[in-house]
N, C-alpha and C. Protein backbone atom coordinates (compact mmCIF):
# COMPACT_ATOMS: atom_id res chain seq x y z
N UNK A 1 161.92 102.84 180.58
CA UNK A 1 161.72 101.71 181.46
C UNK A 1 162.91 100.78 181.32
N UNK A 2 163.47 100.34 182.47
CA UNK A 2 164.67 99.49 182.40
C UNK A 2 164.33 98.09 181.92
N UNK A 3 165.23 97.47 181.22
CA UNK A 3 165.08 96.11 180.72
C UNK A 3 165.32 95.15 181.88
N UNK A 4 164.38 94.17 182.07
CA UNK A 4 164.57 93.23 183.17
C UNK A 4 165.81 92.37 182.93
N UNK A 5 166.48 92.08 184.01
CA UNK A 5 167.68 91.24 183.91
C UNK A 5 167.26 89.79 183.71
N UNK A 6 168.16 88.96 183.18
CA UNK A 6 167.84 87.55 183.00
C UNK A 6 167.45 86.87 184.32
N UNK A 7 168.05 87.29 185.41
CA UNK A 7 167.73 86.69 186.72
C UNK A 7 166.30 87.03 187.13
N UNK A 8 165.86 88.27 186.87
CA UNK A 8 164.49 88.63 187.25
C UNK A 8 163.48 87.95 186.32
N UNK A 9 163.86 87.74 185.05
CA UNK A 9 162.97 86.99 184.14
C UNK A 9 162.81 85.55 184.64
N UNK A 10 163.93 84.96 185.04
CA UNK A 10 163.88 83.58 185.54
C UNK A 10 163.04 83.50 186.81
N UNK A 11 163.19 84.51 187.68
CA UNK A 11 162.42 84.55 188.91
C UNK A 11 160.92 84.66 188.60
N UNK A 12 160.55 85.46 187.60
CA UNK A 12 159.15 85.62 187.21
C UNK A 12 158.59 84.30 186.67
N UNK A 13 159.39 83.60 185.86
CA UNK A 13 158.96 82.32 185.32
C UNK A 13 158.72 81.33 186.46
N UNK A 14 159.63 81.33 187.44
CA UNK A 14 159.45 80.42 188.58
C UNK A 14 158.18 80.75 189.35
N UNK A 15 157.88 82.04 189.50
CA UNK A 15 156.65 82.43 190.20
C UNK A 15 155.42 81.96 189.43
N UNK A 16 155.45 82.07 188.13
CA UNK A 16 154.32 81.60 187.31
C UNK A 16 154.15 80.09 187.48
N UNK A 17 155.26 79.36 187.48
CA UNK A 17 155.20 77.91 187.65
C UNK A 17 154.65 77.55 189.04
N UNK A 18 155.12 78.27 190.06
CA UNK A 18 154.66 78.00 191.43
C UNK A 18 153.17 78.29 191.57
N UNK A 19 152.72 79.42 191.01
CA UNK A 19 151.30 79.77 191.09
C UNK A 19 150.46 78.74 190.32
N UNK A 20 150.91 78.32 189.14
CA UNK A 20 150.18 77.33 188.35
C UNK A 20 150.11 76.00 189.10
N UNK A 21 151.21 75.60 189.72
CA UNK A 21 151.22 74.35 190.49
C UNK A 21 150.28 74.44 191.68
N UNK A 22 150.26 75.60 192.34
CA UNK A 22 149.36 75.78 193.49
C UNK A 22 147.90 75.71 193.04
N UNK A 23 147.59 76.34 191.91
CA UNK A 23 146.23 76.30 191.39
C UNK A 23 145.83 74.88 191.01
N UNK A 24 146.74 74.14 190.39
CA UNK A 24 146.48 72.76 190.03
C UNK A 24 146.24 71.91 191.28
N UNK A 25 147.08 72.10 192.30
CA UNK A 25 146.92 71.35 193.55
C UNK A 25 145.58 71.68 194.20
N UNK A 26 145.19 72.96 194.16
CA UNK A 26 143.91 73.36 194.73
C UNK A 26 142.75 72.71 193.97
N UNK A 27 142.84 72.68 192.64
CA UNK A 27 141.79 72.05 191.83
C UNK A 27 141.69 70.56 192.14
N UNK A 28 142.83 69.90 192.27
CA UNK A 28 142.84 68.47 192.59
C UNK A 28 142.25 68.23 193.97
N UNK A 29 142.61 69.08 194.93
CA UNK A 29 142.09 68.95 196.28
C UNK A 29 140.57 69.15 196.30
N UNK A 30 140.09 70.14 195.55
CA UNK A 30 138.65 70.39 195.50
C UNK A 30 137.92 69.21 194.87
N UNK A 31 138.49 68.65 193.77
CA UNK A 31 137.86 67.49 193.13
C UNK A 31 137.88 66.30 194.07
N UNK A 32 139.00 66.11 194.76
CA UNK A 32 139.12 65.00 195.70
C UNK A 32 138.09 65.13 196.82
N UNK A 33 137.91 66.35 197.32
CA UNK A 33 136.91 66.59 198.37
C UNK A 33 135.52 66.30 197.83
N UNK A 34 135.26 66.76 196.60
CA UNK A 34 133.96 66.51 195.97
C UNK A 34 133.73 65.01 195.78
N UNK A 35 134.77 64.30 195.29
CA UNK A 35 134.66 62.86 195.09
C UNK A 35 134.44 62.14 196.43
N UNK A 36 135.13 62.60 197.48
CA UNK A 36 134.99 62.00 198.80
C UNK A 36 133.57 62.21 199.32
N UNK A 37 133.05 63.43 199.15
CA UNK A 37 131.68 63.71 199.58
C UNK A 37 130.68 62.85 198.81
N UNK A 38 130.89 62.73 197.48
CA UNK A 38 130.00 61.91 196.66
C UNK A 38 130.10 60.45 197.07
N UNK A 39 131.32 60.00 197.37
CA UNK A 39 131.52 58.62 197.80
C UNK A 39 130.81 58.37 199.13
N UNK A 40 130.87 59.34 200.04
CA UNK A 40 130.18 59.19 201.33
C UNK A 40 128.67 59.15 201.12
N UNK A 41 128.17 60.01 200.23
CA UNK A 41 126.73 60.01 199.94
C UNK A 41 126.32 58.66 199.34
N UNK A 42 127.13 58.14 198.42
CA UNK A 42 126.83 56.85 197.80
C UNK A 42 126.85 55.74 198.85
N UNK A 43 127.82 55.81 199.75
CA UNK A 43 127.93 54.79 200.78
C UNK A 43 126.69 54.80 201.70
N UNK A 44 126.25 55.99 202.08
CA UNK A 44 125.04 56.09 202.91
C UNK A 44 123.82 55.60 202.13
N UNK A 45 123.76 55.95 200.86
CA UNK A 45 122.64 55.50 200.02
C UNK A 45 122.64 53.97 199.92
N UNK A 46 123.83 53.38 199.78
CA UNK A 46 123.92 51.92 199.73
C UNK A 46 123.38 51.28 201.01
N UNK A 47 123.68 51.90 202.16
CA UNK A 47 123.17 51.37 203.43
C UNK A 47 121.64 51.40 203.45
N UNK A 48 121.06 52.52 203.03
CA UNK A 48 119.59 52.60 202.97
C UNK A 48 119.03 51.57 202.00
N UNK A 49 119.70 51.42 200.85
CA UNK A 49 119.24 50.45 199.86
C UNK A 49 119.24 49.04 200.43
N UNK A 50 120.34 48.65 201.07
CA UNK A 50 120.44 47.30 201.63
C UNK A 50 119.40 47.08 202.73
N UNK A 51 119.15 48.10 203.55
CA UNK A 51 118.11 48.00 204.57
C UNK A 51 116.74 47.83 203.90
N UNK A 52 116.52 48.57 202.81
CA UNK A 52 115.27 48.43 202.07
C UNK A 52 115.09 47.03 201.52
N UNK A 53 116.16 46.45 200.98
CA UNK A 53 116.09 45.08 200.46
C UNK A 53 115.74 44.10 201.59
N UNK A 54 116.37 44.31 202.74
CA UNK A 54 116.11 43.44 203.89
C UNK A 54 114.64 43.55 204.32
N UNK A 55 114.13 44.77 204.38
CA UNK A 55 112.73 44.97 204.78
C UNK A 55 111.77 44.39 203.75
N UNK A 56 112.12 44.55 202.47
CA UNK A 56 111.27 43.98 201.41
C UNK A 56 111.22 42.46 201.54
N UNK A 57 112.38 41.87 201.80
CA UNK A 57 112.46 40.41 201.97
C UNK A 57 111.65 39.95 203.18
N UNK A 58 111.62 40.79 204.23
CA UNK A 58 110.88 40.46 205.45
C UNK A 58 109.40 40.78 205.36
N UNK A 59 108.94 41.24 204.18
CA UNK A 59 107.52 41.50 203.99
C UNK A 59 107.06 42.86 204.49
N UNK A 60 107.97 43.83 204.54
CA UNK A 60 107.63 45.19 204.98
C UNK A 60 107.82 46.16 203.82
N UNK A 61 106.88 46.20 202.86
CA UNK A 61 107.06 47.07 201.71
C UNK A 61 107.07 48.55 202.06
N UNK A 62 106.35 48.95 203.10
CA UNK A 62 106.33 50.37 203.49
C UNK A 62 107.71 50.79 203.98
N UNK A 63 108.31 49.96 204.83
CA UNK A 63 109.67 50.24 205.30
C UNK A 63 110.68 50.21 204.17
N UNK A 64 110.49 49.27 203.25
CA UNK A 64 111.39 49.17 202.10
C UNK A 64 111.32 50.43 201.26
N UNK A 65 110.11 50.89 200.97
CA UNK A 65 109.93 52.10 200.16
C UNK A 65 110.58 53.29 200.85
N UNK A 66 110.39 53.42 202.16
CA UNK A 66 110.99 54.54 202.90
C UNK A 66 112.51 54.52 202.77
N UNK A 67 113.10 53.33 202.85
CA UNK A 67 114.56 53.23 202.74
C UNK A 67 115.04 53.48 201.32
N UNK A 68 114.31 53.00 200.32
CA UNK A 68 114.71 53.27 198.94
C UNK A 68 114.63 54.77 198.66
N UNK A 69 113.60 55.42 199.18
CA UNK A 69 113.48 56.87 198.99
C UNK A 69 114.61 57.61 199.70
N UNK A 70 114.97 57.13 200.90
CA UNK A 70 116.09 57.74 201.63
C UNK A 70 117.39 57.58 200.84
N UNK A 71 117.56 56.42 200.21
CA UNK A 71 118.75 56.20 199.38
C UNK A 71 118.78 57.19 198.23
N UNK A 72 117.63 57.41 197.61
CA UNK A 72 117.57 58.34 196.47
C UNK A 72 117.73 59.79 196.92
N UNK A 73 117.35 60.08 198.14
CA UNK A 73 117.56 61.44 198.65
C UNK A 73 119.06 61.69 198.82
N UNK A 74 119.79 60.68 199.27
CA UNK A 74 121.24 60.80 199.46
C UNK A 74 121.99 60.78 198.12
N UNK A 75 121.52 59.91 197.22
CA UNK A 75 122.22 59.71 195.95
C UNK A 75 121.16 59.52 194.88
N UNK A 76 120.69 60.62 194.28
CA UNK A 76 119.51 60.59 193.39
C UNK A 76 119.59 59.65 192.19
N UNK A 77 120.79 59.26 191.80
CA UNK A 77 120.90 58.37 190.64
C UNK A 77 121.27 56.94 191.04
N UNK A 78 120.99 56.56 192.28
CA UNK A 78 121.29 55.21 192.76
C UNK A 78 120.47 54.21 191.92
N UNK A 79 121.10 53.49 190.98
CA UNK A 79 120.33 52.67 190.04
C UNK A 79 119.55 51.54 190.71
N UNK A 80 120.14 50.91 191.71
CA UNK A 80 119.46 49.78 192.35
C UNK A 80 118.23 50.24 193.13
N UNK A 81 118.35 51.38 193.83
CA UNK A 81 117.20 51.91 194.58
C UNK A 81 116.09 52.33 193.62
N UNK A 82 116.48 52.98 192.52
CA UNK A 82 115.48 53.35 191.50
C UNK A 82 114.77 52.11 190.99
N UNK A 83 115.55 51.08 190.70
CA UNK A 83 115.01 49.84 190.14
C UNK A 83 114.03 49.17 191.10
N UNK A 84 114.44 49.00 192.37
CA UNK A 84 113.56 48.32 193.33
C UNK A 84 112.29 49.14 193.58
N UNK A 85 112.44 50.45 193.70
CA UNK A 85 111.28 51.31 193.92
C UNK A 85 110.35 51.26 192.71
N UNK A 86 110.94 51.19 191.53
CA UNK A 86 110.13 51.08 190.31
C UNK A 86 109.35 49.77 190.29
N UNK A 87 109.97 48.68 190.70
CA UNK A 87 109.27 47.39 190.73
C UNK A 87 108.09 47.41 191.70
N UNK A 88 108.28 48.07 192.83
CA UNK A 88 107.17 48.19 193.79
C UNK A 88 106.05 49.02 193.19
N UNK A 89 106.40 50.11 192.53
CA UNK A 89 105.38 50.94 191.87
C UNK A 89 104.68 50.15 190.78
N UNK A 90 105.44 49.38 190.03
CA UNK A 90 104.86 48.57 188.96
C UNK A 90 103.87 47.56 189.53
N UNK A 91 104.26 46.90 190.63
CA UNK A 91 103.38 45.91 191.26
C UNK A 91 102.09 46.56 191.77
N UNK A 92 102.17 47.83 192.13
CA UNK A 92 100.99 48.56 192.62
C UNK A 92 100.27 49.29 191.50
N UNK A 93 100.61 48.95 190.26
CA UNK A 93 99.97 49.49 189.06
C UNK A 93 100.17 51.00 188.86
N UNK A 94 101.27 51.51 189.39
CA UNK A 94 101.67 52.90 189.15
C UNK A 94 102.71 52.87 188.02
N UNK A 95 102.23 52.56 186.82
CA UNK A 95 103.13 52.27 185.71
C UNK A 95 103.94 53.49 185.27
N UNK A 96 103.31 54.65 185.24
CA UNK A 96 104.05 55.84 184.80
C UNK A 96 105.15 56.18 185.79
N UNK A 97 104.84 56.12 187.09
CA UNK A 97 105.85 56.39 188.11
C UNK A 97 106.98 55.36 188.01
N UNK A 98 106.60 54.10 187.79
CA UNK A 98 107.61 53.04 187.63
C UNK A 98 108.50 53.35 186.43
N UNK A 99 107.88 53.79 185.33
CA UNK A 99 108.65 54.12 184.14
C UNK A 99 109.63 55.25 184.38
N UNK A 100 109.21 56.27 185.12
CA UNK A 100 110.11 57.40 185.42
C UNK A 100 111.30 56.94 186.27
N UNK A 101 111.03 56.10 187.25
CA UNK A 101 112.12 55.58 188.09
C UNK A 101 113.06 54.69 187.29
N UNK A 102 112.50 53.87 186.44
CA UNK A 102 113.35 53.00 185.61
C UNK A 102 114.18 53.82 184.64
N UNK A 103 113.60 54.89 184.11
CA UNK A 103 114.35 55.77 183.22
C UNK A 103 115.52 56.40 183.97
N UNK A 104 115.28 56.79 185.21
CA UNK A 104 116.35 57.37 186.02
C UNK A 104 117.44 56.33 186.28
N UNK A 105 117.02 55.10 186.58
CA UNK A 105 117.99 54.02 186.81
C UNK A 105 118.79 53.75 185.54
N UNK A 106 118.12 53.79 184.41
CA UNK A 106 118.78 53.51 183.14
C UNK A 106 119.86 54.55 182.82
N UNK A 107 119.61 55.79 183.20
CA UNK A 107 120.62 56.84 182.97
C UNK A 107 121.88 56.56 183.78
N UNK A 108 121.73 55.92 184.94
CA UNK A 108 122.89 55.58 185.76
C UNK A 108 123.55 54.28 185.31
N UNK A 109 122.77 53.39 184.75
CA UNK A 109 123.28 52.06 184.40
C UNK A 109 122.70 51.62 183.05
N UNK A 110 123.15 52.26 181.95
CA UNK A 110 122.53 52.03 180.64
C UNK A 110 122.70 50.62 180.07
N UNK A 111 123.60 49.83 180.62
CA UNK A 111 123.82 48.49 180.08
C UNK A 111 123.12 47.41 180.90
N UNK A 112 122.21 47.81 181.77
CA UNK A 112 121.52 46.84 182.63
C UNK A 112 120.31 46.28 181.89
N UNK A 113 120.37 45.02 181.52
CA UNK A 113 119.29 44.40 180.74
C UNK A 113 117.98 44.32 181.52
N UNK A 114 118.07 44.17 182.85
CA UNK A 114 116.85 44.08 183.65
C UNK A 114 116.06 45.40 183.63
N UNK A 115 116.78 46.50 183.65
CA UNK A 115 116.11 47.81 183.60
C UNK A 115 115.41 47.98 182.25
N UNK A 116 116.08 47.61 181.18
CA UNK A 116 115.46 47.69 179.85
C UNK A 116 114.21 46.81 179.80
N UNK A 117 114.33 45.62 180.36
CA UNK A 117 113.20 44.68 180.38
C UNK A 117 112.00 45.27 181.12
N UNK A 118 112.26 45.78 182.32
CA UNK A 118 111.16 46.35 183.11
C UNK A 118 110.56 47.58 182.44
N UNK A 119 111.40 48.40 181.80
CA UNK A 119 110.88 49.55 181.06
C UNK A 119 109.99 49.08 179.92
N UNK A 120 110.40 48.02 179.24
CA UNK A 120 109.58 47.46 178.17
C UNK A 120 108.22 47.03 178.68
N UNK A 121 108.21 46.35 179.82
CA UNK A 121 106.93 45.91 180.40
C UNK A 121 106.08 47.10 180.81
N UNK A 122 106.72 48.12 181.41
CA UNK A 122 105.97 49.30 181.85
C UNK A 122 105.34 50.02 180.66
N UNK A 123 106.10 50.18 179.57
CA UNK A 123 105.55 50.85 178.39
C UNK A 123 104.45 50.01 177.74
N UNK A 124 104.58 48.70 177.81
CA UNK A 124 103.51 47.85 177.29
C UNK A 124 102.23 48.06 178.10
N UNK A 125 102.37 48.17 179.41
CA UNK A 125 101.19 48.35 180.28
C UNK A 125 100.49 49.68 180.06
N UNK A 126 101.24 50.72 179.64
CA UNK A 126 100.61 52.02 179.40
C UNK A 126 100.32 52.21 177.91
N UNK A 127 100.27 51.10 177.18
CA UNK A 127 99.90 51.10 175.75
C UNK A 127 100.79 51.97 174.88
N UNK A 128 102.09 51.83 175.08
CA UNK A 128 103.07 52.47 174.20
C UNK A 128 103.94 51.38 173.59
N UNK A 129 103.38 50.65 172.61
CA UNK A 129 104.07 49.46 172.10
C UNK A 129 105.40 49.75 171.42
N UNK A 130 105.54 50.90 170.75
CA UNK A 130 106.82 51.18 170.09
C UNK A 130 107.95 51.29 171.11
N UNK A 131 107.69 52.00 172.20
CA UNK A 131 108.70 52.11 173.25
C UNK A 131 108.93 50.76 173.91
N UNK A 132 107.86 50.01 174.12
CA UNK A 132 107.99 48.69 174.74
C UNK A 132 108.88 47.79 173.90
N UNK A 133 108.64 47.77 172.59
CA UNK A 133 109.46 46.95 171.68
C UNK A 133 110.92 47.38 171.76
N UNK A 134 111.15 48.67 171.74
CA UNK A 134 112.52 49.19 171.76
C UNK A 134 113.27 48.73 173.01
N UNK A 135 112.64 48.85 174.16
CA UNK A 135 113.31 48.46 175.40
C UNK A 135 113.47 46.95 175.52
N UNK A 136 112.46 46.20 175.13
CA UNK A 136 112.58 44.74 175.19
C UNK A 136 113.63 44.23 174.21
N UNK A 137 113.67 44.82 173.04
CA UNK A 137 114.69 44.42 172.06
C UNK A 137 116.09 44.69 172.62
N UNK A 138 116.25 45.84 173.27
CA UNK A 138 117.56 46.18 173.85
C UNK A 138 117.92 45.21 174.98
N UNK A 139 116.93 44.80 175.77
CA UNK A 139 117.20 43.83 176.83
C UNK A 139 117.72 42.52 176.24
N UNK A 140 117.12 42.09 175.14
CA UNK A 140 117.56 40.86 174.47
C UNK A 140 118.96 41.04 173.88
N UNK A 141 119.23 42.21 173.32
CA UNK A 141 120.57 42.48 172.76
C UNK A 141 121.63 42.44 173.86
N UNK A 142 121.32 43.05 175.00
CA UNK A 142 122.29 43.10 176.10
C UNK A 142 122.50 41.75 176.75
N UNK A 143 121.44 40.94 176.81
CA UNK A 143 121.52 39.63 177.45
C UNK A 143 120.75 38.61 176.62
N UNK A 144 121.40 38.06 175.57
CA UNK A 144 120.71 37.13 174.66
C UNK A 144 120.15 35.88 175.34
N UNK A 145 120.65 35.55 176.52
CA UNK A 145 120.18 34.36 177.25
C UNK A 145 118.98 34.67 178.16
N UNK A 146 118.48 35.89 178.12
CA UNK A 146 117.39 36.31 179.01
C UNK A 146 116.06 35.88 178.40
N UNK A 147 115.60 34.70 178.81
CA UNK A 147 114.41 34.09 178.20
C UNK A 147 113.14 34.91 178.39
N UNK A 148 112.98 35.56 179.55
CA UNK A 148 111.76 36.34 179.79
C UNK A 148 111.62 37.49 178.80
N UNK A 149 112.74 38.12 178.47
CA UNK A 149 112.68 39.24 177.52
C UNK A 149 112.31 38.74 176.13
N UNK A 150 112.88 37.61 175.72
CA UNK A 150 112.55 37.06 174.40
C UNK A 150 111.06 36.69 174.34
N UNK A 151 110.56 36.07 175.39
CA UNK A 151 109.15 35.68 175.47
C UNK A 151 108.25 36.91 175.41
N UNK A 152 108.54 37.91 176.23
CA UNK A 152 107.72 39.13 176.27
C UNK A 152 107.74 39.84 174.93
N UNK A 153 108.91 39.88 174.30
CA UNK A 153 109.01 40.54 173.00
C UNK A 153 108.23 39.76 171.94
N UNK A 154 108.28 38.44 172.01
CA UNK A 154 107.49 37.63 171.08
C UNK A 154 105.99 37.89 171.21
N UNK A 155 105.50 37.94 172.45
CA UNK A 155 104.08 38.22 172.67
C UNK A 155 103.71 39.63 172.23
N UNK A 156 104.60 40.57 172.48
CA UNK A 156 104.33 41.96 172.08
C UNK A 156 104.23 42.06 170.56
N UNK A 157 105.15 41.39 169.85
CA UNK A 157 105.08 41.39 168.38
C UNK A 157 103.79 40.73 167.90
N UNK A 158 103.38 39.69 168.58
CA UNK A 158 102.13 39.01 168.21
C UNK A 158 100.95 39.97 168.37
N UNK A 159 100.92 40.71 169.47
CA UNK A 159 99.85 41.69 169.70
C UNK A 159 99.89 42.83 168.68
N UNK A 160 101.05 43.07 168.09
CA UNK A 160 101.20 44.12 167.09
C UNK A 160 100.97 43.60 165.67
N UNK A 161 100.45 42.38 165.58
CA UNK A 161 100.16 41.76 164.27
C UNK A 161 101.43 41.60 163.42
N UNK A 162 102.52 41.23 164.07
CA UNK A 162 103.80 40.99 163.39
C UNK A 162 104.21 39.54 163.63
N UNK A 163 103.56 38.59 162.93
CA UNK A 163 103.78 37.18 163.23
C UNK A 163 105.22 36.71 163.00
N UNK A 164 105.88 37.22 161.96
CA UNK A 164 107.26 36.77 161.71
C UNK A 164 108.18 37.14 162.87
N UNK A 165 108.06 38.38 163.33
CA UNK A 165 108.88 38.82 164.47
C UNK A 165 108.50 38.06 165.73
N UNK A 166 107.20 37.81 165.90
CA UNK A 166 106.74 37.06 167.07
C UNK A 166 107.37 35.67 167.10
N UNK A 167 107.32 34.97 165.97
CA UNK A 167 107.87 33.62 165.90
C UNK A 167 109.38 33.64 166.16
N UNK A 168 110.07 34.64 165.63
CA UNK A 168 111.52 34.74 165.83
C UNK A 168 111.86 34.76 167.32
N UNK A 169 111.19 35.60 168.09
CA UNK A 169 111.52 35.73 169.51
C UNK A 169 110.95 34.59 170.34
N UNK A 170 109.82 34.05 169.94
CA UNK A 170 109.28 32.89 170.65
C UNK A 170 110.17 31.67 170.42
N UNK A 171 110.71 31.52 169.20
CA UNK A 171 111.69 30.46 168.94
C UNK A 171 112.94 30.64 169.81
N UNK A 172 113.38 31.89 169.91
CA UNK A 172 114.55 32.18 170.74
C UNK A 172 114.27 31.78 172.20
N UNK A 173 113.07 32.09 172.65
CA UNK A 173 112.67 31.71 174.01
C UNK A 173 112.76 30.19 174.19
N UNK A 174 112.24 29.44 173.21
CA UNK A 174 112.25 27.97 173.32
C UNK A 174 113.67 27.41 173.39
N UNK A 175 114.62 28.07 172.73
CA UNK A 175 116.01 27.61 172.77
C UNK A 175 116.63 27.83 174.15
N UNK A 176 116.03 28.72 174.93
CA UNK A 176 116.62 29.09 176.22
C UNK A 176 116.01 28.36 177.42
N UNK A 177 114.86 27.71 177.22
CA UNK A 177 114.18 27.09 178.36
C UNK A 177 114.17 25.57 178.23
N UNK A 178 113.81 24.93 179.31
CA UNK A 178 113.70 23.48 179.36
C UNK A 178 112.55 23.03 178.45
N UNK A 179 112.83 22.10 177.56
CA UNK A 179 111.82 21.61 176.61
C UNK A 179 110.60 21.02 177.29
N UNK A 180 110.78 20.50 178.50
CA UNK A 180 109.69 19.81 179.19
C UNK A 180 108.82 20.74 180.03
N UNK A 181 109.15 22.02 180.08
CA UNK A 181 108.35 22.92 180.92
C UNK A 181 106.98 23.15 180.30
N UNK A 182 105.96 23.34 181.15
CA UNK A 182 104.60 23.57 180.61
C UNK A 182 104.54 24.80 179.71
N UNK A 183 105.27 25.85 180.06
CA UNK A 183 105.22 27.06 179.25
C UNK A 183 105.85 26.82 177.87
N UNK A 184 106.89 25.99 177.82
CA UNK A 184 107.51 25.68 176.52
C UNK A 184 106.50 24.99 175.61
N UNK A 185 105.72 24.08 176.17
CA UNK A 185 104.68 23.42 175.38
C UNK A 185 103.65 24.40 174.86
N UNK A 186 103.25 25.34 175.71
CA UNK A 186 102.28 26.37 175.29
C UNK A 186 102.86 27.25 174.18
N UNK A 187 104.13 27.59 174.30
CA UNK A 187 104.76 28.44 173.28
C UNK A 187 104.88 27.69 171.97
N UNK A 188 105.21 26.40 172.02
CA UNK A 188 105.27 25.61 170.78
C UNK A 188 103.91 25.59 170.09
N UNK A 189 102.85 25.40 170.88
CA UNK A 189 101.49 25.41 170.31
C UNK A 189 101.15 26.78 169.72
N UNK A 190 101.57 27.83 170.40
CA UNK A 190 101.32 29.18 169.91
C UNK A 190 102.02 29.42 168.58
N UNK A 191 103.28 28.98 168.49
CA UNK A 191 104.03 29.13 167.24
C UNK A 191 103.34 28.36 166.11
N UNK A 192 102.90 27.14 166.41
CA UNK A 192 102.20 26.34 165.39
C UNK A 192 100.94 27.04 164.92
N UNK A 193 100.19 27.63 165.84
CA UNK A 193 98.96 28.32 165.43
C UNK A 193 99.27 29.57 164.61
N UNK A 194 100.36 30.26 164.94
CA UNK A 194 100.76 31.44 164.15
C UNK A 194 101.12 31.01 162.74
N UNK A 195 101.91 29.95 162.64
CA UNK A 195 102.34 29.48 161.33
C UNK A 195 101.17 28.93 160.53
N UNK A 196 100.21 28.32 161.20
CA UNK A 196 99.03 27.78 160.52
C UNK A 196 98.18 28.92 159.94
N UNK A 197 98.08 30.03 160.67
CA UNK A 197 97.25 31.15 160.24
C UNK A 197 97.88 31.96 159.10
N UNK A 198 99.14 31.79 158.84
CA UNK A 198 99.80 32.56 157.77
C UNK A 198 99.39 32.09 156.45
């Protein structure tokens, strides 16, 4: 077999480089097409979501639900559509369904304190206090100024016979709200009764 000349070796190397570049360009084009398709799906889902919000605001929950579902059909991990649909399910006492939707929203937006908060409430409603505590605690960690989460966590700890933890979060709640509000007065009285019973 004849030994290839240096020119033919160089030509072969160039062909390998050209083929590799073509394959890379094809991969980039395919990813770009995929990203463009995903972006279009997300954009359509956003339109359905916004229409759902508008219908919900106008007092048409059936229309809102239909649009949120259409958004999820286009973009199954649309966190806002999952969240709004979960809240509607929660309001209609479909707590497990609400929890599943919130879990899906959380996978898309794990740093959203509102989703953690709503999951905590949903788990509390289905009598899963450990999960409820976990999600409410995470909501407080993500947004320390979120008074509703601190309040809910304080009450949950109180129901779990954990007075020290209850007082900690109820105190945190009091630091976040107006001292003159009726609920602040009730929480102060609750803390006093907890401390008195110890």
